[in-house]
Amino acid sequence: MAIARVIEITSSSSRSFDDAVANGVRRASDTLDLVKSAWVRDHEVRVDNGKIVEYRVKMKVTFMLKGDTDAPEGRSERQPGKKKGRK
């Protein structure tokens, strides 16, 4: 069974919104395995002396969780309904 997780991140660029999105996806992919999609939730600019100096996006990134057999050695995904530290 495939399970996906969604996280929210903020990314920025001094060039454009498109570049900010690309930076966020690139960084998320460097940190997370199996990134599948990104949805831009919000965008804003930072202004200094009447000029745009930074483009920012808030985005939701979806990535797939690895199964128990794919988990790194010494780690396994928790089973639903079981809490850590309880038997």
Foldseek 3Di string as FASTA:
>chain_A
DKDKDKDKDKFKDQPDPVVRVVVVVVVCVVVDPAWDDKDFPDKDFDDDPRDTRMIMTIMMIMGIDDAQVPDPPPDHDDDPPDDPPDD
